[in-house]
Amino acid sequence: MVTLSELQLKEVILIEDGRRLGNITDLDINPDTGKIEAIIIMVKDKKGSLFSKADELIVGWNQIVRIGSDVILVREAKGPLLLTQT
């Protein structure tokens, strides 16, 4: 079994181009089934401002290709599974 704190240490990377998305900050869990439906990643603006607003990136659980010892590889979703929310 893997805990949330262990998942938060792993970096999330897109398998298509190797782009680093960030680290997991939270999980979206279905309250009826108890299953994880998505991982939530905080993505900071790349401009490097101290006061830049972080966005949430939601990656559907079915987009995860592999959870390794130090990274999580995900497929890029075309549509609502990979969302940026402000």
Protein backbone atom coordinates (compact mmCIF):
# COMPACT_ATOMS: atom_id res chain seq x y z
CA MET A 1 0.00 0.00 0.00
CA VAL A 2 1.22 3.50 -0.85
CA THR A 3 0.36 6.47 1.34
CA LEU A 4 -0.44 10.01 0.15
CA SER A 5 2.75 11.31 1.77
CA GLU A 6 4.78 8.80 -0.27
CA LEU A 7 3.00 9.84 -3.47
CA GLN A 8 3.66 13.52 -2.72
CA LEU A 9 7.42 12.89 -2.85
CA LYS A 10 7.21 11.61 -6.44
CA GLU A 11 7.41 14.00 -9.39
CA VAL A 12 4.68 13.72 -12.04
CA ILE A 13 6.04 13.61 -15.61
CA LEU A 14 4.30 13.49 -19.00
CA ILE A 15 5.40 10.37 -20.84
CA GLU A 16 5.04 11.95 -24.32
CA ASP A 17 7.61 14.73 -23.94
CA GLY A 18 9.18 14.34 -20.48
CA ARG A 19 7.67 17.61 -19.24
CA ARG A 20 7.60 17.90 -15.44
CA LEU A 21 4.16 18.75 -14.11
CA GLY A 22 5.00 18.98 -10.42
CA ASN A 23 4.17 17.00 -7.31
CA ILE A 24 0.87 15.63 -6.05
CA THR A 25 -0.82 17.81 -3.47
CA ASP A 26 -4.12 15.94 -3.09
CA LEU A 27 -6.26 13.07 -4.32
CA ASP A 28 -9.82 13.06 -5.66
CA ILE A 29 -11.56 10.10 -4.05
CA ASN A 30 -15.04 8.83 -4.91
CA PRO A 31 -16.96 8.87 -1.60
CA ASP A 32 -19.24 6.02 -2.67
CA THR A 33 -16.58 3.53 -3.78
CA GLY A 34 -13.51 4.82 -1.91
CA LYS A 35 -11.47 4.59 -5.12
CA ILE A 36 -9.05 7.28 -6.30
CA GLU A 37 -10.44 9.02 -9.38
CA ALA A 38 -7.72 11.64 -9.95
CA ILE A 39 -4.52 13.14 -8.64
CA ILE A 40 -4.27 16.87 -8.06
CA ILE A 41 -1.03 18.72 -8.79
CA MET A 42 -0.19 22.32 -7.90
CA VAL A 43 1.53 24.00 -10.84
CA LYS A 44 3.19 27.35 -10.22
CA ASP A 45 3.53 29.92 -12.95
CA LYS A 46 6.92 29.51 -14.63
CA LYS A 47 7.58 33.28 -14.51
CA GLY A 48 9.03 32.82 -11.04
CA SER A 49 7.16 35.58 -9.25
CA LEU A 50 6.97 35.23 -5.49
CA PHE A 51 3.28 36.15 -5.61
CA SER A 52 2.37 34.09 -8.66
CA LYS A 53 -0.85 32.13 -8.34
CA ALA A 54 -0.60 28.36 -8.40
CA ASP A 55 -3.04 26.43 -10.57
CA GLU A 56 -4.47 23.00 -9.90
CA LEU A 57 -3.88 20.36 -12.52
CA ILE A 58 -6.24 17.40 -12.26
CA VAL A 59 -5.04 14.16 -13.83
CA GLY A 60 -7.47 11.25 -14.10
CA TRP A 61 -6.32 8.02 -12.44
CA ASN A 62 -6.69 6.20 -15.77
CA GLN A 63 -4.08 8.55 -17.30
CA ILE A 64 -1.36 7.17 -15.01
CA VAL A 65 0.96 4.84 -16.91
CA ARG A 66 3.33 3.82 -14.11
CA ILE A 67 4.13 4.74 -10.52
CA GLY A 68 7.86 4.27 -10.06
CA SER A 69 10.18 4.64 -7.10
CA ASP A 70 10.68 8.38 -7.64
CA VAL A 71 8.37 9.46 -10.50
CA ILE A 72 4.81 9.03 -11.70
CA LEU A 73 4.45 8.79 -15.50
CA VAL A 74 1.18 10.05 -16.98
CA ARG A 75 -0.31 10.25 -20.47
CA GLU A 76 -1.40 13.64 -21.73
CA ALA A 77 -5.18 13.73 -21.86
CA LYS A 78 -7.05 15.32 -24.70
CA GLY A 79 -10.10 16.73 -22.99
CA PRO A 80 -11.53 16.86 -19.51
CA LEU A 81 -9.18 14.40 -17.78
CA LEU A 82 -6.22 16.82 -17.63
CA LEU A 83 -7.63 20.15 -16.49
CA THR A 84 -6.18 23.38 -15.23
CA GLN A 85 -8.42 25.11 -12.72
CA THR A 86 -7.96 28.59 -11.32
